[in-house]
Amino acid sequence: NNQKAPTALALMRSRYSAYASHNADYLLETTHASERQF
């Protein structure tokens, strides 16, 4: 639903769910810009 995670904990949980549901786009989008190159 393109809502922003309200806390770091909510973001971490959603990133785990992104791994479990194979959502690589979300994982890249929620990685800080300074780290995406890695």
Full PDB file with SEQRES, HELIX, SHEET, SSBOND, CRYST1, ORIGX, SCALE, CONECT and MASTER records, all heavy atoms in Angstrom:
SEQRES   1 A   38  ASN ASN GLN LYS ALA PRO THR ALA LEU ALA LEU MET ARG          
SEQRES   2 A   38  SER ARG TYR SER ALA TYR ALA SER HIS ASN ALA ASP TYR          
SEQRES   3 A   38  LEU LEU GLU THR THR HIS ALA SER GLU ARG GLN PHE              
HELIX    1 AA1 ALA A    8  ALA A   20  1                                  13    
HELIX    2 AA2 ALA A   24  GLU A   29  1                                   6    
CRYST1    1.000    1.000    1.000  90.00  90.00  90.00 P 1           1          
ORIGX1      1.000000  0.000000  0.000000        0.00000                         
ORIGX2      0.000000  1.000000  0.000000        0.00000                         
ORIGX3      0.000000  0.000000  1.000000        0.00000                         
SCALE1      1.000000  0.000000  0.000000        0.00000                         
SCALE2      0.000000  1.000000  0.000000        0.00000                         
SCALE3      0.000000  0.000000  1.000000        0.00000                         
ATOM      1  N   ASN A   1       0.808  -1.233   0.000  1.00  0.00           N  
ATOM      2  CA  ASN A   1       0.000   0.000   0.000  1.00  0.00           C  
ATOM      3  C   ASN A   1       0.832   1.269   0.000  1.00  0.00           C  
ATOM      4  O   ASN A   1       0.307   2.359   0.171  1.00  0.00           O  
ATOM      5  CB  ASN A   1      -0.944   0.010   1.210  1.00  0.00           C  
ATOM      6  CG  ASN A   1      -1.974  -1.082   1.129  1.00  0.00           C  
ATOM      7  OD1 ASN A   1      -2.114  -1.744   0.101  1.00  0.00           O  
ATOM      8  ND2 ASN A   1      -2.702  -1.293   2.207  1.00  0.00           N  
ATOM      9  N   ASN A   2       2.150   1.120  -0.160  1.00  0.00           N  
ATOM     10  CA  ASN A   2       3.072   2.262  -0.254  1.00  0.00           C  
ATOM     11  C   ASN A   2       3.040   3.199   0.946  1.00  0.00           C  
ATOM     12  O   ASN A   2       3.392   4.367   0.818  1.00  0.00           O  
ATOM     13  CB  ASN A   2       2.825   3.053  -1.542  1.00  0.00           C  
ATOM     14  CG  ASN A   2       3.176   2.224  -2.760  1.00  0.00           C  
ATOM     15  OD1 ASN A   2       4.135   1.472  -2.748  1.00  0.00           O  
ATOM     16  ND2 ASN A   2       2.378   2.344  -3.801  1.00  0.00           N  
ATOM     17  N   GLN A   3       2.597   2.715   2.107  1.00  0.00           N  
ATOM     18  CA  GLN A   3       2.710   3.521   3.314  1.00  0.00           C  
ATOM     19  C   GLN A   3       4.152   3.435   3.791  1.00  0.00           C  
ATOM     20  O   GLN A   3       4.859   2.469   3.499  1.00  0.00           O  
ATOM     21  CB  GLN A   3       1.764   3.012   4.402  1.00  0.00           C  
ATOM     22  CG  GLN A   3       0.303   3.228   4.086  1.00  0.00           C  
ATOM     23  CD  GLN A   3      -0.584   2.792   5.252  1.00  0.00           C  
ATOM     24  OE1 GLN A   3      -0.185   2.820   6.404  1.00  0.00           O  
ATOM     25  NE2 GLN A   3      -1.798   2.402   4.918  1.00  0.00           N  
ATOM     26  N   LYS A   4       4.594   4.446   4.526  1.00  0.00           N  
ATOM     27  CA  LYS A   4       5.947   4.430   5.074  1.00  0.00           C  
ATOM     28  C   LYS A   4       5.907   3.816   6.463  1.00  0.00           C  
ATOM     29  O   LYS A   4       5.022   4.116   7.262  1.00  0.00           O  
ATOM     30  CB  LYS A   4       6.502   5.851   5.148  1.00  0.00           C  
ATOM     31  CG  LYS A   4       6.764   6.443   3.780  1.00  0.00           C  
ATOM     32  CD  LYS A   4       7.288   7.843   3.877  1.00  0.00           C  
ATOM     33  CE  LYS A   4       7.513   8.398   2.472  1.00  0.00           C  
ATOM     34  NZ  LYS A   4       7.763   9.821   2.479  1.00  0.00           N  
ATOM     35  N   ALA A   5       6.873   2.952   6.749  1.00  0.00           N  
ATOM     36  CA  ALA A   5       6.967   2.352   8.081  1.00  0.00           C  
ATOM     37  C   ALA A   5       7.199   3.472   9.100  1.00  0.00           C  
ATOM     38  O   ALA A   5       8.075   4.303   8.908  1.00  0.00           O  
ATOM     39  CB  ALA A   5       8.104   1.343   8.121  1.00  0.00           C  
ATOM     40  N   PRO A   6       6.405   3.500  10.178  1.00  0.00           N  
ATOM     41  CA  PRO A   6       6.490   4.611  11.134  1.00  0.00           C  
ATOM     42  C   PRO A   6       7.675   4.539  12.094  1.00  0.00           C  
ATOM     43  O   PRO A   6       7.997   5.530  12.745  1.00  0.00           O  
ATOM     44  CB  PRO A   6       5.170   4.499  11.904  1.00  0.00           C  
ATOM     45  CG  PRO A   6       4.827   3.044  11.837  1.00  0.00           C  
ATOM     46  CD  PRO A   6       5.328   2.567  10.498  1.00  0.00           C  
ATOM     47  N   THR A   7       8.319   3.370  12.191  1.00  0.00           N  
ATOM     48  CA  THR A   7       9.453   3.191  13.108  1.00  0.00           C  
ATOM     49  C   THR A   7      10.508   2.309  12.446  1.00  0.00           C  
ATOM     50  O   THR A   7      10.222   1.605  11.474  1.00  0.00           O  
ATOM     51  CB  THR A   7       9.004   2.501  14.416  1.00  0.00           C  
ATOM     52  OG1 THR A   7       8.557   1.179  14.094  1.00  0.00           O  
ATOM     53  CG2 THR A   7       7.910   3.273  15.140  1.00  0.00           C  
ATOM     54  N   ALA A   8      11.701   2.332  13.025  1.00  0.00           N  
ATOM     55  CA  ALA A   8      12.767   1.444  12.541  1.00  0.00           C  
ATOM     56  C   ALA A   8      12.339  -0.018  12.716  1.00  0.00           C  
ATOM     57  O   ALA A   8      12.585  -0.850  11.848  1.00  0.00           O  
ATOM     58  CB  ALA A   8      14.064   1.715  13.288  1.00  0.00           C  
ATOM     59  N   LEU A   9      11.684  -0.335  13.832  1.00  0.00           N  
ATOM     60  CA  LEU A   9      11.240  -1.706  14.078  1.00  0.00           C  
ATOM     61  C   LEU A   9      10.233  -2.150  13.013  1.00  0.00           C  
ATOM     62  O   LEU A   9      10.330  -3.256  12.476  1.00  0.00           O  
ATOM     63  CB  LEU A   9      10.633  -1.834  15.481  1.00  0.00           C  
ATOM     64  CG  LEU A   9      10.093  -3.219  15.841  1.00  0.00           C  
ATOM     65  CD1 LEU A   9      11.195  -4.284  15.767  1.00  0.00           C  
ATOM     66  CD2 LEU A   9       9.461  -3.190  17.223  1.00  0.00           C  
ATOM     67  N   ALA A  10       9.269  -1.292  12.698  1.00  0.00           N  
ATOM     68  CA  ALA A  10       8.285  -1.629  11.659  1.00  0.00           C  
ATOM     69  C   ALA A  10       8.973  -1.828  10.310  1.00  0.00           C  
ATOM     70  O   ALA A  10       8.616  -2.737   9.548  1.00  0.00           O  
ATOM     71  CB  ALA A  10       7.214  -0.537  11.560  1.00  0.00           C  
ATOM     72  N   LEU A  11       9.976  -0.994  10.017  1.00  0.00           N  
ATOM     73  CA  LEU A  11      10.709  -1.148   8.757  1.00  0.00           C  
ATOM     74  C   LEU A  11      11.466  -2.474   8.744  1.00  0.00           C  
ATOM     75  O   LEU A  11      11.446  -3.198   7.755  1.00  0.00           O  
ATOM     76  CB  LEU A  11      11.677   0.008   8.525  1.00  0.00           C  
ATOM     77  CG  LEU A  11      12.472  -0.108   7.224  1.00  0.00           C  
ATOM     78  CD1 LEU A  11      11.554  -0.067   6.007  1.00  0.00           C  
ATOM     79  CD2 LEU A  11      13.519   0.975   7.127  1.00  0.00           C  
ATOM     80  N   MET A  12      12.110  -2.819   9.863  1.00  0.00           N  
ATOM     81  CA  MET A  12      12.852  -4.074   9.926  1.00  0.00           C  
ATOM     82  C   MET A  12      11.910  -5.254   9.710  1.00  0.00           C  
ATOM     83  O   MET A  12      12.201  -6.164   8.938  1.00  0.00           O  
ATOM     84  CB  MET A  12      13.546  -4.191  11.287  1.00  0.00           C  
ATOM     85  CG  MET A  12      14.812  -4.973  11.296  1.00  0.00           C  
ATOM     86  SD  MET A  12      14.747  -6.719  10.906  1.00  0.00           S  
ATOM     87  CE  MET A  12      13.412  -7.344  11.823  1.00  0.00           C  
ATOM     88  N   ARG A  13      10.765  -5.248  10.370  1.00  0.00           N  
ATOM     89  CA  ARG A  13       9.791  -6.330  10.202  1.00  0.00           C  
ATOM     90  C   ARG A  13       9.347  -6.413   8.735  1.00  0.00           C  
ATOM     91  O   ARG A  13       9.255  -7.497   8.169  1.00  0.00           O  
ATOM     92  CB  ARG A  13       8.578  -6.111  11.097  1.00  0.00           C  
ATOM     93  CG  ARG A  13       8.843  -6.385  12.569  1.00  0.00           C  
ATOM     94  CD  ARG A  13       7.549  -6.219  13.388  1.00  0.00           C  
ATOM     95  NE  ARG A  13       7.740  -6.537  14.773  1.00  0.00           N  
ATOM     96  CZ  ARG A  13       7.783  -7.766  15.287  1.00  0.00           C  
ATOM     97  NH1 ARG A  13       7.686  -8.809  14.499  1.00  0.00           N  
ATOM     98  NH2 ARG A  13       7.953  -7.946  16.573  1.00  0.00           N  
ATOM     99  N   SER A  14       9.092  -5.264   8.129  1.00  0.00           N  
ATOM    100  CA  SER A  14       8.629  -5.262   6.733  1.00  0.00           C  
ATOM    101  C   SER A  14       9.734  -5.737   5.790  1.00  0.00           C  
ATOM    102  O   SER A  14       9.451  -6.379   4.779  1.00  0.00           O  
ATOM    103  CB  SER A  14       8.117  -3.878   6.316  1.00  0.00           C  
ATOM    104  OG  SER A  14       9.165  -2.929   6.233  1.00  0.00           O  
ATOM    105  N   ARG A  15      10.978  -5.473   6.129  1.00  0.00           N  
ATOM    106  CA  ARG A  15      12.086  -5.959   5.298  1.00  0.00           C  
ATOM    107  C   ARG A  15      12.208  -7.479   5.407  1.00  0.00           C  
ATOM    108  O   ARG A  15      12.466  -8.150   4.422  1.00  0.00           O  
ATOM    109  CB  ARG A  15      13.397  -5.254   5.677  1.00  0.00           C  
ATOM    110  CG  ARG A  15      13.431  -3.806   5.172  1.00  0.00           C  
ATOM    111  CD  ARG A  15      14.670  -3.060   5.649  1.00  0.00           C  
ATOM    112  NE  ARG A  15      15.898  -3.709   5.222  1.00  0.00           N  
ATOM    113  CZ  ARG A  15      16.499  -3.511   4.047  1.00  0.00           C  
ATOM    114  NH1 ARG A  15      15.974  -2.684   3.156  1.00  0.00           N  
ATOM    115  NH2 ARG A  15      17.633  -4.137   3.756  1.00  0.00           N  
ATOM    116  N   TYR A  16      11.979  -8.019   6.598  1.00  0.00           N  
ATOM    117  CA  TYR A  16      11.954  -9.481   6.733  1.00  0.00           C  
ATOM    118  C   TYR A  16      10.832 -10.051   5.856  1.00  0.00           C  
ATOM    119  O   TYR A  16      11.035 -11.023   5.119  1.00  0.00           O  
ATOM    120  CB  TYR A  16      11.742  -9.899   8.198  1.00  0.00           C  
ATOM    121  CG  TYR A  16      11.559 -11.389   8.339  1.00  0.00           C  
ATOM    122  CD1 TYR A  16      12.658 -12.243   8.405  1.00  0.00           C  
ATOM    123  CD2 TYR A  16      10.287 -11.953   8.376  1.00  0.00           C  
ATOM    124  CE1 TYR A  16      12.502 -13.614   8.506  1.00  0.00           C  
ATOM    125  CE2 TYR A  16      10.118 -13.324   8.473  1.00  0.00           C  
ATOM    126  CZ  TYR A  16      11.226 -14.150   8.534  1.00  0.00           C  
ATOM    127  OH  TYR A  16      11.052 -15.508   8.622  1.00  0.00           O  
ATOM    128  N   SER A  17       9.660  -9.444   5.922  1.00  0.00           N  
ATOM    129  CA  SER A  17       8.531  -9.895   5.098  1.00  0.00           C  
ATOM    130  C   SER A  17       8.842  -9.755   3.614  1.00  0.00           C  
ATOM    131  O   SER A  17       8.409 -10.572   2.803  1.00  0.00           O  
ATOM    132  CB  SER A  17       7.258  -9.117   5.447  1.00  0.00           C  
ATOM    133  OG  SER A  17       6.803  -9.495   6.731  1.00  0.00           O  
ATOM    134  N   ALA A  18       9.618  -8.742   3.264  1.00  0.00           N  
ATOM    135  CA  ALA A  18      10.011  -8.564   1.859  1.00  0.00           C  
ATOM    136  C   ALA A  18      10.929  -9.706   1.411  1.00  0.00           C  
ATOM    137  O   ALA A  18      10.799 -10.196   0.286  1.00  0.00           O  
ATOM    138  CB  ALA A  18      10.704  -7.217   1.666  1.00  0.00           C  
ATOM    139  N   TYR A  19      11.832 -10.139   2.286  1.00  0.00           N  
ATOM    140  CA  TYR A  19      12.658 -11.308   1.951  1.00  0.00           C  
ATOM    141  C   TYR A  19      11.766 -12.536   1.790  1.00  0.00           C  
ATOM    142  O   TYR A  19      11.894 -13.283   0.821  1.00  0.00           O  
ATOM    143  CB  TYR A  19      13.721 -11.577   3.026  1.00  0.00           C  
ATOM    144  CG  TYR A  19      14.968 -10.753   2.841  1.00  0.00           C  
ATOM    145  CD1 TYR A  19      15.252  -9.680   3.669  1.00  0.00           C  
ATOM    146  CD2 TYR A  19      15.866 -11.054   1.825  1.00  0.00           C  
ATOM    147  CE1 TYR A  19      16.402  -8.927   3.496  1.00  0.00           C  
ATOM    148  CE2 TYR A  19      17.023 -10.305   1.640  1.00  0.00           C  
ATOM    149  CZ  TYR A  19      17.281  -9.241   2.480  1.00  0.00           C  
ATOM    150  OH  TYR A  19      18.415  -8.491   2.290  1.00  0.00           O  
ATOM    151  N   ALA A  20      10.850 -12.727   2.723  1.00  0.00           N  
ATOM    152  CA  ALA A  20       9.988 -13.910   2.700  1.00  0.00           C  
ATOM    153  C   ALA A  20       9.056 -13.925   1.490  1.00  0.00           C  
ATOM    154  O   ALA A  20       8.707 -14.993   0.991  1.00  0.00           O  
ATOM    155  CB  ALA A  20       9.175 -13.990   3.991  1.00  0.00           C  
ATOM    156  N   SER A  21       8.689 -12.744   1.002  1.00  0.00           N  
ATOM    157  CA  SER A  21       7.785 -12.653  -0.158  1.00  0.00           C  
ATOM    158  C   SER A  21       8.527 -12.295  -1.446  1.00  0.00           C  
ATOM    159  O   SER A  21       7.908 -12.008  -2.461  1.00  0.00           O  
ATOM    160  CB  SER A  21       6.666 -11.643   0.117  1.00  0.00           C  
ATOM    161  OG  SER A  21       7.189 -10.343   0.308  1.00  0.00           O  
ATOM    162  N   HIS A  22       9.865 -12.267  -1.380  1.00  0.00           N  
ATOM    163  CA  HIS A  22      10.733 -12.068  -2.549  1.00  0.00           C  
ATOM    164  C   HIS A  22      10.552 -10.702  -3.201  1.00  0.00           C  
ATOM    165  O   HIS A  22      10.580 -10.572  -4.423  1.00  0.00           O  
ATOM    166  CB  HIS A  22      10.529 -13.179  -3.583  1.00  0.00           C  
ATOM    167  CG  HIS A  22      10.579 -14.551  -2.995  1.00  0.00           C  
ATOM    168  ND1 HIS A  22       9.943 -15.614  -3.568  1.00  0.00           N  
ATOM    169  CD2 HIS A  22      11.183 -15.016  -1.873  1.00  0.00           C  
ATOM    170  CE1 HIS A  22      10.152 -16.699  -2.813  1.00  0.00           C  
ATOM    171  NE2 HIS A  22      10.906 -16.355  -1.784  1.00  0.00           N  
ATOM    172  N   ASN A  23      10.395  -9.672  -2.380  1.00  0.00           N  
ATOM    173  CA  ASN A  23      10.177  -8.317  -2.873  1.00  0.00           C  
ATOM    174  C   ASN A  23      11.500  -7.527  -2.834  1.00  0.00           C  
ATOM    175  O   ASN A  23      11.732  -6.708  -1.954  1.00  0.00           O  
ATOM    176  CB  ASN A  23       9.094  -7.626  -2.030  1.00  0.00           C  
ATOM    177  CG  ASN A  23       8.644  -6.318  -2.621  1.00  0.00           C  
ATOM    178  OD1 ASN A  23       9.371  -5.671  -3.357  1.00  0.00           O  
ATOM    179  ND2 ASN A  23       7.442  -5.915  -2.272  1.00  0.00           N  
ATOM    180  N   ALA A  24      12.364  -7.798  -3.809  1.00  0.00           N  
ATOM    181  CA  ALA A  24      13.683  -7.159  -3.864  1.00  0.00           C  
ATOM    182  C   ALA A  24      13.585  -5.653  -4.091  1.00  0.00           C  
ATOM    183  O   ALA A  24      14.416  -4.894  -3.583  1.00  0.00           O  
ATOM    184  CB  ALA A  24      14.531  -7.810  -4.947  1.00  0.00           C  
ATOM    185  N   ASP A  25      12.584  -5.207  -4.836  1.00  0.00           N  
ATOM    186  CA  ASP A  25      12.423  -3.766  -5.072  1.00  0.00           C  
ATOM    187  C   ASP A  25      12.262  -3.021  -3.753  1.00  0.00           C  
ATOM    188  O   ASP A  25      12.895  -1.986  -3.529  1.00  0.00           O  
ATOM    189  CB  ASP A  25      11.216  -3.490  -5.975  1.00  0.00           C  
ATOM    190  CG  ASP A  25      11.468  -3.894  -7.415  1.00  0.00           C  
ATOM    191  OD1 ASP A  25      12.635  -3.869  -7.861  1.00  0.00           O  
ATOM    192  OD2 ASP A  25      10.494  -4.258  -8.102  1.00  0.00           O  
ATOM    193  N   TYR A  26      11.410  -3.543  -2.885  1.00  0.00           N  
ATOM    194  CA  TYR A  26      11.175  -2.898  -1.590  1.00  0.00           C  
ATOM    195  C   TYR A  26      12.464  -2.864  -0.765  1.00  0.00           C  
ATOM    196  O   TYR A  26      12.767  -1.870  -0.120  1.00  0.00           O  
ATOM    197  CB  TYR A  26      10.069  -3.633  -0.822  1.00  0.00           C  
ATOM    198  CG  TYR A  26       9.751  -3.013   0.512  1.00  0.00           C  
ATOM    199  CD1 TYR A  26       8.929  -1.895   0.593  1.00  0.00           C  
ATOM    200  CD2 TYR A  26      10.273  -3.528   1.695  1.00  0.00           C  
ATOM    201  CE1 TYR A  26       8.632  -1.316   1.821  1.00  0.00           C  
ATOM    202  CE2 TYR A  26       9.986  -2.958   2.926  1.00  0.00           C  
ATOM    203  CZ  TYR A  26       9.164  -1.853   2.973  1.00  0.00           C  
ATOM    204  OH  TYR A  26       8.872  -1.270   4.186  1.00  0.00           O  
ATOM    205  N   LEU A  27      13.210  -3.951  -0.798  1.00  0.00           N  
ATOM    206  CA  LEU A  27      14.454  -4.010  -0.033  1.00  0.00           C  
ATOM    207  C   LEU A  27      15.449  -2.967  -0.512  1.00  0.00           C  
ATOM    208  O   LEU A  27      16.093  -2.304   0.305  1.00  0.00           O  
ATOM    209  CB  LEU A  27      15.039  -5.419  -0.091  1.00  0.00           C  
ATOM    210  CG  LEU A  27      14.205  -6.432   0.699  1.00  0.00           C  
ATOM    211  CD1 LEU A  27      14.499  -7.844   0.249  1.00  0.00           C  
ATOM    212  CD2 LEU A  27      14.447  -6.264   2.183  1.00  0.00           C  
ATOM    213  N   LEU A  28      15.557  -2.779  -1.811  1.00  0.00           N  
ATOM    214  CA  LEU A  28      16.451  -1.738  -2.335  1.00  0.00           C  
ATOM    215  C   LEU A  28      15.937  -0.342  -2.002  1.00  0.00           C  
ATOM    216  O   LEU A  28      16.705   0.524  -1.585  1.00  0.00           O  
ATOM    217  CB  LEU A  28      16.604  -1.880  -3.850  1.00  0.00           C  
ATOM    218  CG  LEU A  28      17.654  -2.874  -4.315  1.00  0.00           C  
ATOM    219  CD1 LEU A  28      17.646  -3.000  -5.827  1.00  0.00           C  
ATOM    220  CD2 LEU A  28      19.043  -2.482  -3.829  1.00  0.00           C  
ATOM    221  N   GLU A  29      14.633  -0.136  -2.167  1.00  0.00           N  
ATOM    222  CA  GLU A  29      14.040   1.187  -1.903  1.00  0.00           C  
ATOM    223  C   GLU A  29      14.198   1.606  -0.452  1.00  0.00           C  
ATOM    224  O   GLU A  29      14.292   2.793  -0.157  1.00  0.00           O  
ATOM    225  CB  GLU A  29      12.542   1.172  -2.248  1.00  0.00           C  
ATOM    226  CG  GLU A  29      12.258   1.112  -3.723  1.00  0.00           C  
ATOM    227  CD  GLU A  29      10.816   0.698  -4.025  1.00  0.00           C  
ATOM    228  OE1 GLU A  29       9.972   0.664  -3.095  1.00  0.00           O  
ATOM    229  OE2 GLU A  29      10.540   0.397  -5.201  1.00  0.00           O  
ATOM    230  N   THR A  30      14.201   0.629   0.478  1.00  0.00           N  
ATOM    231  CA  THR A  30      14.282   0.960   1.903  1.00  0.00           C  
ATOM    232  C   THR A  30      15.710   0.859   2.450  1.00  0.00           C  
ATOM    233  O   THR A  30      15.916   0.967   3.649  1.00  0.00           O  
ATOM    234  CB  THR A  30      13.336   0.067   2.731  1.00  0.00           C  
ATOM    235  OG1 THR A  30      13.676  -1.304   2.516  1.00  0.00           O  
ATOM    236  CG2 THR A  30      11.879   0.330   2.371  1.00  0.00           C  
ATOM    237  N   THR A  31      16.670   0.685   1.559  1.00  0.00           N  
ATOM    238  CA  THR A  31      18.086   0.764   1.938  1.00  0.00           C  
ATOM    239  C   THR A  31      18.524   2.208   1.735  1.00  0.00           C  
ATOM    240  O   THR A  31      18.189   2.827   0.717  1.00  0.00           O  
ATOM    241  CB  THR A  31      18.938  -0.184   1.064  1.00  0.00           C  
ATOM    242  OG1 THR A  31      18.503  -1.529   1.300  1.00  0.00           O  
ATOM    243  CG2 THR A  31      20.409  -0.063   1.402  1.00  0.00           C  
ATOM    244  N   HIS A  32      19.240   2.752   2.702  1.00  0.00           N  
ATOM    245  CA  HIS A  32      19.673   4.147   2.617  1.00  0.00           C  
ATOM    246  C   HIS A  32      20.472   4.380   1.332  1.00  0.00           C  
ATOM    247  O   HIS A  32      21.269   3.535   0.921  1.00  0.00           O  
ATOM    248  CB  HIS A  32      20.506   4.512   3.846  1.00  0.00           C  
ATOM    249  CG  HIS A  32      20.715   5.974   3.982  1.00  0.00           C  
ATOM    250  ND1 HIS A  32      21.804   6.619   3.445  1.00  0.00           N  
ATOM    251  CD2 HIS A  32      19.953   6.933   4.558  1.00  0.00           C  
ATOM    252  CE1 HIS A  32      21.714   7.912   3.702  1.00  0.00           C  
ATOM    253  NE2 HIS A  32      20.592   8.128   4.390  1.00  0.00           N  
ATOM    254  N   ALA A  33      20.250   5.521   0.715  1.00  0.00           N  
ATOM    255  CA  ALA A  33      20.880   5.852  -0.570  1.00  0.00           C  
ATOM    256  C   ALA A  33      22.401   5.699  -0.532  1.00  0.00           C  
ATOM    257  O   ALA A  33      23.011   5.260  -1.507  1.00  0.00           O  
ATOM    258  CB  ALA A  33      20.501   7.266  -0.987  1.00  0.00           C  
ATOM    259  N   SER A  34      23.004   6.004   0.612  1.00  0.00           N  
ATOM    260  CA  SER A  34      24.468   5.908   0.723  1.00  0.00           C  
ATOM    261  C   SER A  34      24.959   4.455   0.687  1.00  0.00           C  
ATOM    262  O   SER A  34      26.146   4.216   0.471  1.00  0.00           O  
ATOM    263  CB  SER A  34      24.940   6.562   2.021  1.00  0.00           C  
ATOM    264  OG  SER A  34      24.467   5.834   3.145  1.00  0.00           O  
ATOM    265  N   GLU A  35      24.074   3.507   0.868  1.00  0.00           N  
ATOM    266  CA  GLU A  35      24.450   2.090   0.924  1.00  0.00           C  
ATOM    267  C   GLU A  35      23.984   1.276  -0.286  1.00  0.00           C  
ATOM    268  O   GLU A  35      24.428   0.150  -0.472  1.00  0.00           O  
ATOM    269  CB  GLU A  35      23.872   1.451   2.198  1.00  0.00           C  
ATOM    270  CG  GLU A  35      24.322   2.109   3.486  1.00  0.00           C  
ATOM    271  CD  GLU A  35      25.815   1.988   3.709  1.00  0.00           C  
ATOM    272  OE1 GLU A  35      26.358   0.887   3.539  1.00  0.00           O  
ATOM    273  OE2 GLU A  35      26.449   3.005   4.058  1.00  0.00           O  
ATOM    274  N   ARG A  36      23.081   1.811  -1.088  1.00  0.00           N  
ATOM    275  CA  ARG A  36      22.481   1.038  -2.189  1.00  0.00           C  
ATOM    276  C   ARG A  36      23.494   0.498  -3.189  1.00  0.00           C  
ATOM    277  O   ARG A  36      23.284  -0.554  -3.764  1.00  0.00           O  
ATOM    278  CB  ARG A  36      21.444   1.894  -2.938  1.00  0.00           C  
ATOM    279  CG  ARG A  36      20.136   1.921  -2.232  1.00  0.00           C  
ATOM    280  CD  ARG A  36      19.056   2.584  -3.022  1.00  0.00           C  
ATOM    281  NE  ARG A  36      18.071   3.066  -2.053  1.00  0.00           N  
ATOM    282  CZ  ARG A  36      17.414   4.179  -2.135  1.00  0.00           C  
ATOM    283  NH1 ARG A  36      17.590   4.967  -3.173  1.00  0.00           N  
ATOM    284  NH2 ARG A  36      16.565   4.533  -1.207  1.00  0.00           N  
ATOM    285  N   GLN A  37      24.588   1.215  -3.374  1.00  0.00           N  
ATOM    286  CA  GLN A  37      25.603   0.773  -4.345  1.00  0.00           C  
ATOM    287  C   GLN A  37      26.195  -0.590  -3.984  1.00  0.00           C  
ATOM    288  O   GLN A  37      26.754  -1.268  -4.824  1.00  0.00           O  
ATOM    289  CB  GLN A  37      26.715   1.806  -4.442  1.00  0.00           C  
ATOM    290  CG  GLN A  37      27.531   1.931  -3.158  1.00  0.00           C  
ATOM    291  CD  GLN A  37      28.442   3.129  -3.140  1.00  0.00           C  
ATOM    292  OE1 GLN A  37      28.370   3.973  -4.016  1.00  0.00           O  
ATOM    293  NE2 GLN A  37      29.301   3.215  -2.146  1.00  0.00           N  
ATOM    294  N   PHE A  38      26.076  -0.995  -2.713  1.00  0.00           N  
ATOM    295  CA  PHE A  38      26.657  -2.258  -2.261  1.00  0.00           C  
ATOM    296  C   PHE A  38      25.713  -3.447  -2.440  1.00  0.00           C  
ATOM    297  O   PHE A  38      26.045  -4.564  -2.076  1.00  0.00           O  
ATOM    298  CB  PHE A  38      27.066  -2.153  -0.786  1.00  0.00           C  
ATOM    299  CG  PHE A  38      28.023  -1.016  -0.545  1.00  0.00           C  
ATOM    300  CD1 PHE A  38      27.655   0.062   0.240  1.00  0.00           C  
ATOM    301  CD2 PHE A  38      29.298  -1.016  -1.114  1.00  0.00           C  
ATOM    302  CE1 PHE A  38      28.531   1.115   0.467  1.00  0.00           C  
ATOM    303  CE2 PHE A  38      30.176   0.029  -0.893  1.00  0.00           C  
ATOM    304  CZ  PHE A  38      29.794   1.097  -0.106  1.00  0.00           C  
TER     305      PHE A  38                                                      
MASTER        0    0    0    2    0    0    0    6  304    1    0    3          
END                                                                             
